[in-house]
Amino acid sequence: MSLKKFLILGVIFLLLVSLIYIFQNKDKLEKKSIAKESCLQNNGKWLEKYNECELGGLTQENRIKCQTMNGQFLDCTSPCRHNPNAQKEFCAQICVPVCKF
């Protein structure tokens, strides 16, 4: 097989794999986008890496907002929950309400 044919088949294969990945993850990406939009519209802070929306305070209104966004309301998470060095450093002992997706 010539190098040109090999490269063409390789590109076709990569395109097919990419299309399969996109279609398999389309719903997941759409849900994430909707969650992010809802978070920002509700004055939350969106944490892209963790699919979380930090809400302003521990209120019944924020709990309802989270449920409306189809998230799981966690009323008391650590502000250092994503810091792997948190045990070695000082971390304020306060509750951060989070809507987790």
Protein backbone atom coordinates (compact mmCIF):
# COMPACT_ATOMS: atom_id res chain seq x y z
CA MET A 1 0.00 0.00 0.00
CA SER A 2 1.38 3.40 -0.92
CA LEU A 3 2.01 6.07 1.68
CA LYS A 4 -0.65 8.31 0.14
CA LYS A 5 -3.37 5.63 0.47
CA PHE A 6 -2.24 4.86 4.02
CA LEU A 7 -2.50 8.54 5.00
CA ILE A 8 -5.95 8.87 3.40
CA LEU A 9 -7.21 5.79 5.27
CA GLY A 10 -5.72 7.16 8.48
CA VAL A 11 -7.50 10.50 8.06
CA ILE A 12 -10.81 8.74 7.27
CA PHE A 13 -10.40 6.55 10.35
CA LEU A 14 -9.72 9.57 12.57
CA LEU A 15 -12.77 11.38 11.18
CA LEU A 16 -15.00 8.37 11.86
CA VAL A 17 -13.68 8.01 15.40
CA SER A 18 -14.23 11.74 15.99
CA LEU A 19 -17.80 11.59 14.68
CA ILE A 20 -18.61 8.59 16.88
CA TYR A 21 -17.18 10.39 19.91
CA ILE A 22 -19.15 13.56 19.16
CA PHE A 23 -22.45 11.71 18.76
CA GLN A 24 -21.90 9.64 21.90
CA ASN A 25 -21.13 12.72 23.98
CA LYS A 26 -23.60 15.13 22.37
CA ASP A 27 -26.21 14.79 25.14
CA LYS A 28 -23.58 15.10 27.85
CA LEU A 29 -22.14 18.26 26.27
CA GLU A 30 -25.61 19.78 25.81
CA LYS A 31 -26.54 19.09 29.45
CA LYS A 32 -23.27 20.62 30.63
CA SER A 33 -23.87 23.71 28.51
CA ILE A 34 -27.41 24.10 29.86
CA ALA A 35 -26.18 23.66 33.44
CA LYS A 36 -23.50 26.32 32.92
CA GLU A 37 -26.00 28.76 31.40
CA SER A 38 -28.48 28.16 34.24
CA CYS A 39 -25.75 28.64 36.84
CA LEU A 40 -24.65 31.96 35.41
CA GLN A 41 -28.24 33.17 34.98
CA ASN A 42 -28.81 32.42 38.67
CA ASN A 43 -25.76 34.48 39.70
CA GLY A 44 -23.68 31.41 40.45
CA LYS A 45 -19.99 30.79 39.84
CA TRP A 46 -19.49 27.98 37.29
CA LEU A 47 -16.52 25.65 37.90
CA GLU A 48 -15.98 24.08 34.48
CA LYS A 49 -13.47 21.44 35.55
CA TYR A 50 -15.80 20.05 38.24
CA ASN A 51 -19.26 20.63 36.69
CA GLU A 52 -20.26 22.62 39.73
CA CYS A 53 -22.13 25.81 40.36
CA GLU A 54 -21.21 27.64 43.55
CA LEU A 55 -24.33 29.42 44.72
CA GLY A 56 -24.38 32.60 46.78
CA GLY A 57 -25.60 31.20 50.06
CA LEU A 58 -27.38 28.46 51.92
CA THR A 59 -30.96 29.38 51.19
CA GLN A 60 -34.10 27.51 50.25
CA GLU A 61 -34.15 29.60 47.07
CA ASN A 62 -30.70 28.29 46.03
CA ARG A 63 -31.75 24.73 46.81
CA ILE A 64 -34.77 25.19 44.52
CA LYS A 65 -32.61 26.81 41.81
CA CYS A 66 -30.30 23.81 41.88
CA GLN A 67 -33.18 21.35 41.64
CA THR A 68 -34.60 23.39 38.75
CA MET A 69 -31.22 23.05 36.99
CA ASN A 70 -31.37 19.25 37.55
CA GLY A 71 -28.39 19.34 39.85
CA GLN A 72 -27.65 17.84 43.26
CA PHE A 73 -27.62 20.47 46.01
CA LEU A 74 -24.76 20.06 48.46
CA ASP A 75 -25.34 22.50 51.29
CA CYS A 76 -21.95 22.31 53.01
CA THR A 77 -18.89 21.61 50.88
CA SER A 78 -15.38 22.72 51.76
CA PRO A 79 -13.92 25.73 49.99
CA CYS A 80 -10.76 23.57 49.63
CA ARG A 81 -12.54 20.51 48.22
CA HIS A 82 -10.57 20.60 44.95
CA ASN A 83 -7.19 21.41 46.49
CA PRO A 84 -5.08 18.25 46.88
CA ASN A 85 -2.81 20.09 49.37
CA ALA A 86 -5.69 21.19 51.60
CA GLN A 87 -4.64 18.90 54.46
CA LYS A 88 -1.17 20.46 54.48
CA GLU A 89 -2.42 24.05 54.31
CA PHE A 90 -4.86 26.12 56.29
CA CYS A 91 -8.41 25.87 54.98
CA ALA A 92 -11.23 28.01 56.32
CA GLN A 93 -13.88 25.91 58.03
CA ILE A 94 -16.88 27.37 56.23
CA CYS A 95 -19.64 25.84 54.16
CA VAL A 96 -19.87 26.50 50.44
CA PRO A 97 -23.24 25.60 48.92
CA VAL A 98 -22.73 23.86 45.57
CA CYS A 99 -25.00 22.57 42.86
CA LYS A 100 -23.26 19.48 41.44
CA PHE A 101 -23.92 18.07 37.98
